[in-house]
Structures are given as C-alpha cells and as structure tokens.
C-alpha cells in the first residue's frame, strides 16, 4: 500500500510540474520589441565620450516614433511621440515609457528616433538652437515578427554642422595694423523645422517664419607663425554669406562677404581668416566631425 501511495504522489507531482511549465510559456503572449542603437557621429555639446568614442553617460529623452505597421509606414501622419527612452552607454535602451509589442504576426513594425526633444505637430518637429545643441536622427528601421523578443537597431547621425574659425596674419605689419580679433559674429537661424516624410526620412530647414540670432566666436589672438582656432558652433547646414568682424585697431566692426563657404551635416567647416596689409581674405576646409566621437564608423553597442 505504501508503494502505491508513493507512486500516486509521484505522478501527481510530475503532472503539477508539467502544468506549471506550460503556464510559464504562453505561445500567444505579446512579443516585446526591444531597442538598440549605433551612433555614426557623437555630439560635441551634449554627449561626453571616453577615449574610444563611447558615451560615458546615458543620452536621456530619446524620442521614438512608430509608423503604420506593414509596408507603408506613413510616418508623416504621426501626431505624437510613441515612447521615450534613455540610450545607455552599451547601445541598449532603458526607461522606455511605453513598451512596444508586435500588433500582428504578418506585418512588420516601423520606427524612427531623434534627439533632443522637440514639439511634434502635423509631421513636423520644431527645434530651437543656440549654437550649442546637437540634433541626431535615426531614419526608419523595420523589424518583422518573431516569437521571441527582437531588437530594432537605430543608427543615429548628425543633422547639424559645426563651424569654427582660424585667424592668421600674413605678416607682422598686418598683425600690427589690425590688432587682435575682438569679435566675429555670424547670423544664423535659431528656429528649425524637421519635416518627417512618409518613409521615415527627414529634412531639416529654417522655420518659414525665421528667427535668427547672432553667434559670437569671441576674441581670437593670432600671429604670423601660428593659427589660433576659435570654439565651434553647431548650426543648420546653410552657410552664412557674411561675417561681422571687429579688430582691436579698427574703430568700427564691419561685415565681410564670405564666398564659397559650405556646411555639411556631420562635418566640421573651418573658416580661415587671413589678414594682410590691405585686406581680409577667407578660405575654408571641411573635415570629419571627430570631436567627441569618431569619423562616422563607430557603433555604440546594439544587439
């Protein structure tokens, strides 16, 4: 009798374990969509990086938008941010305000993301910049249904350009005549609109009712033997056509025409001002945006 009771108890225990295991794995449970990221170019202003180009602190408040599921994402119809999240230093996201799940087993899910926060209305995001802020955007990423959690890997890149000045005197008499450069001002748009297209691509431009600001590079000391570099401003990639310069030995500030200056997203344009005994000349070069990151090849984590 004891053997029979033990056998019955053993079978009951096995049955109980089997039911518990079945209950833990629900094939009909919603499948979560996770987020990871790579960053082509890191921000100089807002993202601190280590020697390898990885951010040393989280990038908070990433804005994530979900388009229409399926082949036609229709991002231009999105009226609000789907969720926000913080990008960690290993390329994964945390603090997702609204977890995302597949809505169908047959249709793909579509996402775009941008940073920093901007007011979204009618498919347009409004930003206000002061020359210090960065704007990074990841174009549309599509993920198809899987019965296990899958990861959407965003690839962020800059929408703005950097501009810096370098000043040099062609000879000592020119340096003595002009004196140090006390201020260098450019006038740029501060109110920007990012239009989101149906496919998730974006275009950044000055607002139709523009609000411009003067950015002052400040005093720059120079000589005939070395070139002094200014700080960098992060601005819309539309090159200013004039620059206002005030030299110490010249009474009044003056607007100078700048020709053939180009600004490109994710690039640094260096405008070199060369003074000689009779005039001020300008030249420019474009290099990769490497301050705070790499030249566009860095992936930060991701799954």
Protein backbone atom coordinates (compact mmCIF):
# COMPACT_ATOMS: atom_id res chain seq x y z
CA UNK A 1 0.00 0.00 0.00
CA UNK A 2 2.83 2.43 0.87
CA UNK A 3 4.40 1.82 -2.55
CA UNK A 4 1.06 2.52 -4.28
CA UNK A 5 0.56 5.80 -2.38
CA UNK A 6 4.10 6.94 -3.17
CA UNK A 7 3.57 6.16 -6.85
CA UNK A 8 0.35 8.18 -6.95
CA UNK A 9 2.05 11.12 -5.22
CA UNK A 10 4.96 10.98 -7.68
CA UNK A 11 2.59 11.03 -10.67
CA UNK A 12 0.68 13.96 -9.14
CA UNK A 13 3.91 15.87 -8.62
CA UNK A 14 5.01 15.27 -12.21
CA UNK A 15 1.62 16.40 -13.50
CA UNK A 16 1.80 19.55 -11.38
CA UNK A 17 5.28 20.39 -12.73
CA UNK A 18 4.14 19.86 -16.30
CA UNK A 19 1.20 22.24 -15.88
CA UNK A 20 3.42 24.88 -14.26
CA UNK A 21 5.89 24.67 -17.15
CA UNK A 22 3.10 25.00 -19.71
CA UNK A 23 1.71 28.03 -17.91
CA UNK A 24 5.10 29.80 -17.94
CA UNK A 25 5.42 29.58 -21.73
CA UNK A 26 2.42 31.17 -23.40
CA UNK A 27 2.76 30.96 -27.20
CA UNK A 28 0.03 33.60 -27.54
CA UNK A 29 1.68 36.17 -25.25
CA UNK A 30 2.57 39.54 -26.88
CA UNK A 31 6.16 39.69 -28.12
CA UNK A 32 8.05 42.77 -26.98
CA UNK A 33 10.11 44.86 -29.41
CA UNK A 34 13.40 45.98 -27.91
CA UNK A 35 15.63 48.88 -28.95
CA UNK A 36 19.37 49.15 -29.53
CA UNK A 37 21.49 51.75 -31.29
CA UNK A 38 24.63 52.67 -33.13
CA UNK A 39 25.85 56.23 -33.36
CA UNK A 40 27.63 57.29 -36.52
CA UNK A 41 28.73 60.60 -35.06
CA UNK A 42 28.57 61.68 -31.44
CA UNK A 43 27.64 65.11 -30.17
CA UNK A 44 30.33 67.52 -29.08
CA UNK A 45 27.99 69.52 -26.91
CA UNK A 46 25.77 67.13 -25.05
CA UNK A 47 27.32 63.67 -25.12
CA UNK A 48 30.51 63.10 -23.15
CA UNK A 49 32.65 60.28 -24.53
CA UNK A 50 35.62 58.25 -23.45
CA UNK A 51 38.81 57.72 -25.43
CA UNK A 52 37.13 55.09 -27.59
CA UNK A 53 34.27 57.35 -28.62
CA UNK A 54 31.69 55.68 -26.38
CA UNK A 55 29.39 57.93 -24.36
CA UNK A 56 30.25 57.95 -20.67
CA UNK A 57 26.71 58.74 -19.58
CA UNK A 58 23.23 57.94 -20.84
CA UNK A 59 21.62 60.06 -23.55
CA UNK A 60 18.28 60.81 -21.96
CA UNK A 61 14.95 61.53 -23.59
CA UNK A 62 15.31 59.83 -26.97
CA UNK A 63 12.10 60.35 -28.94
CA UNK A 64 10.83 57.18 -30.67
CA UNK A 65 8.00 57.22 -33.22
CA UNK A 66 6.16 54.17 -34.53
CA UNK A 67 4.77 54.38 -38.02
CA UNK A 68 1.98 52.34 -39.50
CA UNK A 69 2.74 48.61 -39.35
CA UNK A 70 3.34 46.91 -42.67
CA UNK A 71 4.93 48.01 -45.94
CA UNK A 72 3.65 51.62 -45.79
CA UNK A 73 4.95 53.22 -42.57
CA UNK A 74 3.27 56.63 -43.20
CA UNK A 75 5.44 58.45 -40.66
CA UNK A 76 4.18 61.80 -41.94
CA UNK A 77 0.81 61.11 -40.30
CA UNK A 78 2.19 60.57 -36.79
CA UNK A 79 0.75 63.11 -34.36
CA UNK A 80 2.58 62.24 -31.16
CA UNK A 81 5.73 60.57 -29.85
CA UNK A 82 5.13 56.84 -29.34
CA UNK A 83 7.58 56.41 -26.48
CA UNK A 84 10.71 57.92 -24.99
CA UNK A 85 13.77 56.11 -23.68
CA UNK A 86 17.32 56.62 -22.45
CA UNK A 87 20.22 55.36 -24.58
CA UNK A 88 22.76 53.61 -22.37
CA UNK A 89 26.49 53.53 -22.96
CA UNK A 90 26.33 49.94 -24.23
CA UNK A 91 23.89 50.87 -27.01
CA UNK A 92 20.77 49.49 -25.34
CA UNK A 93 17.77 51.45 -24.13
CA UNK A 94 16.20 51.73 -20.70
CA UNK A 95 13.36 53.66 -19.05
CA UNK A 96 11.07 53.09 -22.01
CA UNK A 97 7.87 54.93 -21.16
CA UNK A 98 5.59 52.77 -23.32
CA UNK A 99 6.87 49.24 -24.16
CA UNK A 100 6.26 48.25 -27.79
CA UNK A 101 4.80 44.94 -28.98
CA UNK A 102 4.02 43.40 -32.35
CA UNK A 103 0.42 44.03 -33.32
CA UNK A 104 0.36 41.31 -35.95
CA UNK A 105 2.29 38.17 -36.83
CA UNK A 106 2.19 39.08 -40.52
CA UNK A 107 3.08 42.78 -40.64
CA UNK A 108 6.40 44.46 -39.84
CA UNK A 109 6.80 47.25 -37.28
CA UNK A 110 8.41 50.55 -38.32
CA UNK A 111 10.23 53.06 -36.11
CA UNK A 112 12.28 56.26 -36.33
CA UNK A 113 14.01 58.14 -33.50
CA UNK A 114 15.51 61.53 -32.82
CA UNK A 115 17.12 63.59 -30.05
CA UNK A 116 16.69 66.04 -28.36
CA UNK A 117 13.01 66.55 -27.62
CA UNK A 118 11.09 68.82 -29.98
CA UNK A 119 7.46 69.74 -30.37
CA UNK A 120 5.83 67.37 -32.86
CA UNK A 121 2.80 68.52 -34.86
CA UNK A 122 1.49 67.57 -38.31
CA UNK A 123 4.61 65.57 -39.18
CA UNK A 124 6.98 68.42 -38.27
CA UNK A 125 9.29 68.65 -35.25
CA UNK A 126 10.19 72.14 -34.03
CA UNK A 127 13.64 72.77 -32.53
CA UNK A 128 15.23 75.90 -31.08
CA UNK A 129 19.03 76.02 -31.07
CA UNK A 130 21.61 78.42 -29.68
CA UNK A 131 24.75 77.09 -31.39
CA UNK A 132 25.47 74.68 -28.54
CA UNK A 133 22.82 71.99 -29.11
CA UNK A 134 23.13 68.94 -31.30
CA UNK A 135 20.37 67.18 -33.25
CA UNK A 136 20.78 63.49 -34.10
CA UNK A 137 18.27 61.41 -36.05
CA UNK A 138 17.92 57.73 -36.95
CA UNK A 139 15.97 57.02 -40.16
CA UNK A 140 13.32 54.33 -40.46
CA UNK A 141 14.11 50.85 -39.16
CA UNK A 142 11.83 47.88 -39.86
CA UNK A 143 11.57 44.71 -37.83
CA UNK A 144 9.48 41.65 -38.69
CA UNK A 145 7.56 39.48 -36.28
CA UNK A 146 9.37 36.83 -34.29
CA UNK A 147 8.00 34.68 -31.47
CA UNK A 148 10.96 35.77 -29.35
CA UNK A 149 11.89 39.38 -28.45
CA UNK A 150 13.72 41.10 -31.30
CA UNK A 151 15.74 44.31 -31.33
CA UNK A 152 15.35 47.39 -33.51
CA UNK A 153 18.83 48.88 -34.03
CA UNK A 154 18.75 52.61 -34.73
CA UNK A 155 21.68 54.28 -36.49
CA UNK A 156 21.90 57.92 -35.43
CA UNK A 157 23.69 60.64 -37.40
CA UNK A 158 24.00 64.42 -37.14
CA UNK A 159 21.54 66.80 -38.78
CA UNK A 160 23.64 69.88 -37.95
CA UNK A 161 27.11 71.06 -38.95
CA UNK A 162 29.97 72.57 -36.98
CA UNK A 163 31.65 75.87 -37.87
CA UNK A 164 34.92 77.10 -36.39
CA UNK A 165 37.26 79.99 -37.20
CA UNK A 166 41.01 80.20 -37.55
CA UNK A 167 42.81 83.51 -37.89
CA UNK A 168 46.34 84.26 -39.10
CA UNK A 169 48.24 87.38 -40.11
CA UNK A 170 50.15 87.17 -43.37
CA UNK A 171 52.97 89.28 -41.92
CA UNK A 172 53.87 91.27 -38.81
CA UNK A 173 52.80 94.59 -40.29
CA UNK A 174 49.33 93.21 -40.96
CA UNK A 175 49.12 91.92 -37.40
CA UNK A 176 50.16 95.30 -36.03
CA UNK A 177 47.73 97.16 -38.30
CA UNK A 178 44.61 95.14 -37.45
CA UNK A 179 45.36 94.03 -33.91
CA UNK A 180 43.67 91.07 -32.26
CA UNK A 181 40.26 89.94 -33.47
CA UNK A 182 37.89 91.02 -30.69
CA UNK A 183 34.68 89.52 -32.06
CA UNK A 184 33.46 87.51 -35.02
CA UNK A 185 29.70 87.25 -35.41
CA UNK A 186 27.54 85.23 -37.76
CA UNK A 187 23.77 85.45 -38.09
CA UNK A 188 22.04 82.08 -38.28
CA UNK A 189 18.52 80.61 -37.94
CA UNK A 190 17.66 79.52 -34.41
CA UNK A 191 14.16 78.18 -35.05
CA UNK A 192 14.33 74.96 -37.09
CA UNK A 193 11.70 72.62 -38.51
CA UNK A 194 12.36 68.94 -39.19
CA UNK A 195 9.87 67.53 -41.69
CA UNK A 196 9.22 63.80 -41.38
CA UNK A 197 8.41 62.13 -44.69
CA UNK A 198 6.17 59.12 -45.19
CA UNK A 199 9.14 56.73 -45.50
CA UNK A 200 10.76 57.99 -42.28
CA UNK A 201 13.43 60.16 -43.89
CA UNK A 202 13.75 63.71 -42.57
CA UNK A 203 14.64 67.20 -43.79
CA UNK A 204 15.83 70.00 -41.51
CA UNK A 205 15.34 73.63 -42.50
CA UNK A 206 14.82 77.08 -41.05
CA UNK A 207 11.28 77.83 -39.98
CA UNK A 208 9.15 79.58 -42.59
CA UNK A 209 8.89 82.50 -40.14
CA UNK A 210 12.60 82.64 -39.33
CA UNK A 211 14.08 83.77 -36.05
CA UNK A 212 17.80 84.48 -36.38
CA UNK A 213 20.44 85.03 -33.73
CA UNK A 214 23.99 86.39 -33.74
CA UNK A 215 26.64 83.93 -32.61
CA UNK A 216 29.90 85.48 -31.46
CA UNK A 217 33.08 83.42 -31.65
CA UNK A 218 34.66 85.90 -29.24
CA UNK A 219 38.23 87.25 -29.17
CA UNK A 220 40.91 85.35 -31.08
CA UNK A 221 44.62 86.11 -30.71
CA UNK A 222 46.80 85.29 -33.71
CA UNK A 223 50.28 85.77 -35.08
CA UNK A 224 52.25 85.23 -38.24
CA UNK A 225 53.64 81.91 -37.05
CA UNK A 226 50.61 80.08 -35.72
CA UNK A 227 46.91 79.86 -36.39
CA UNK A 228 44.52 80.28 -33.48
CA UNK A 229 41.30 78.33 -33.51
CA UNK A 230 38.01 79.52 -32.08
CA UNK A 231 35.35 77.50 -30.35
CA UNK A 232 32.91 75.58 -32.54
CA UNK A 233 29.26 76.42 -33.10
CA UNK A 234 26.72 73.78 -34.12
CA UNK A 235 24.34 75.25 -36.68
CA UNK A 236 21.99 74.48 -39.54
CA UNK A 237 23.96 73.34 -42.62
CA UNK A 238 23.15 76.53 -44.55
CA UNK A 239 26.29 78.65 -44.83
CA UNK A 240 26.14 82.31 -43.81
CA UNK A 241 27.17 84.70 -46.58
CA UNK A 242 28.62 87.42 -44.33
CA UNK A 243 30.58 87.62 -41.10
CA UNK A 244 30.93 90.64 -38.83
CA UNK A 245 34.49 91.23 -37.63
CA UNK A 246 35.80 93.70 -35.05
CA UNK A 247 39.57 94.13 -34.91
CA UNK A 248 41.22 95.84 -31.92
CA UNK A 249 42.93 98.53 -34.01
CA UNK A 250 39.98 99.22 -36.32
CA UNK A 251 37.37 101.57 -34.90
CA UNK A 252 34.22 100.01 -36.28
CA UNK A 253 33.06 96.45 -36.79
CA UNK A 254 32.49 95.54 -40.42
CA UNK A 255 30.52 92.98 -42.39
CA UNK A 256 32.65 90.93 -44.76
CA UNK A 257 31.33 88.79 -47.60
CA UNK A 258 32.10 85.09 -47.45
CA UNK A 259 32.16 83.25 -50.77
CA UNK A 260 32.05 79.52 -51.46
CA UNK A 261 31.53 78.52 -47.83
CA UNK A 262 29.89 75.11 -47.45
CA UNK A 263 28.36 73.47 -44.38
CA UNK A 264 27.50 69.76 -44.37
CA UNK A 265 25.63 67.66 -41.80
CA UNK A 266 28.06 65.80 -39.55
CA UNK A 267 31.08 67.72 -40.83
CA UNK A 268 33.29 70.49 -39.45
CA UNK A 269 33.85 73.51 -41.67
CA UNK A 270 36.88 75.57 -40.69
CA UNK A 271 36.80 79.15 -41.96
CA UNK A 272 40.31 80.61 -42.05
CA UNK A 273 40.60 84.40 -41.92
CA UNK A 274 43.89 85.74 -43.25
CA UNK A 275 44.73 89.43 -42.84
CA UNK A 276 47.38 91.25 -44.84
CA UNK A 277 48.35 94.89 -45.07
CA UNK A 278 45.43 95.82 -47.33
CA UNK A 279 42.57 93.32 -46.92
CA UNK A 280 40.98 90.36 -45.21
CA UNK A 281 40.76 87.07 -47.11
CA UNK A 282 38.80 83.90 -46.45
CA UNK A 283 39.32 80.21 -47.19
CA UNK A 284 37.68 77.08 -45.83
CA UNK A 285 38.17 73.36 -45.38
CA UNK A 286 35.78 70.56 -44.45
CA UNK A 287 36.77 67.70 -42.16
CA UNK A 288 35.02 64.87 -40.33
CA UNK A 289 33.28 65.61 -37.04
CA UNK A 290 35.63 63.73 -34.73
CA UNK A 291 35.36 65.78 -31.54
CA UNK A 292 33.59 63.58 -29.03
CA UNK A 293 33.33 60.58 -31.32
CA UNK A 294 34.88 59.12 -34.45
CA UNK A 295 34.71 59.83 -38.15
CA UNK A 296 31.43 58.09 -38.69
CA UNK A 297 32.36 54.45 -38.23
CA UNK A 298 31.64 53.96 -34.53
CA UNK A 299 28.88 51.64 -33.43
CA UNK A 300 27.86 52.04 -29.83
CA UNK A 301 26.68 48.67 -28.61
CA UNK A 302 23.46 47.37 -30.13
CA UNK A 303 22.17 43.84 -30.31
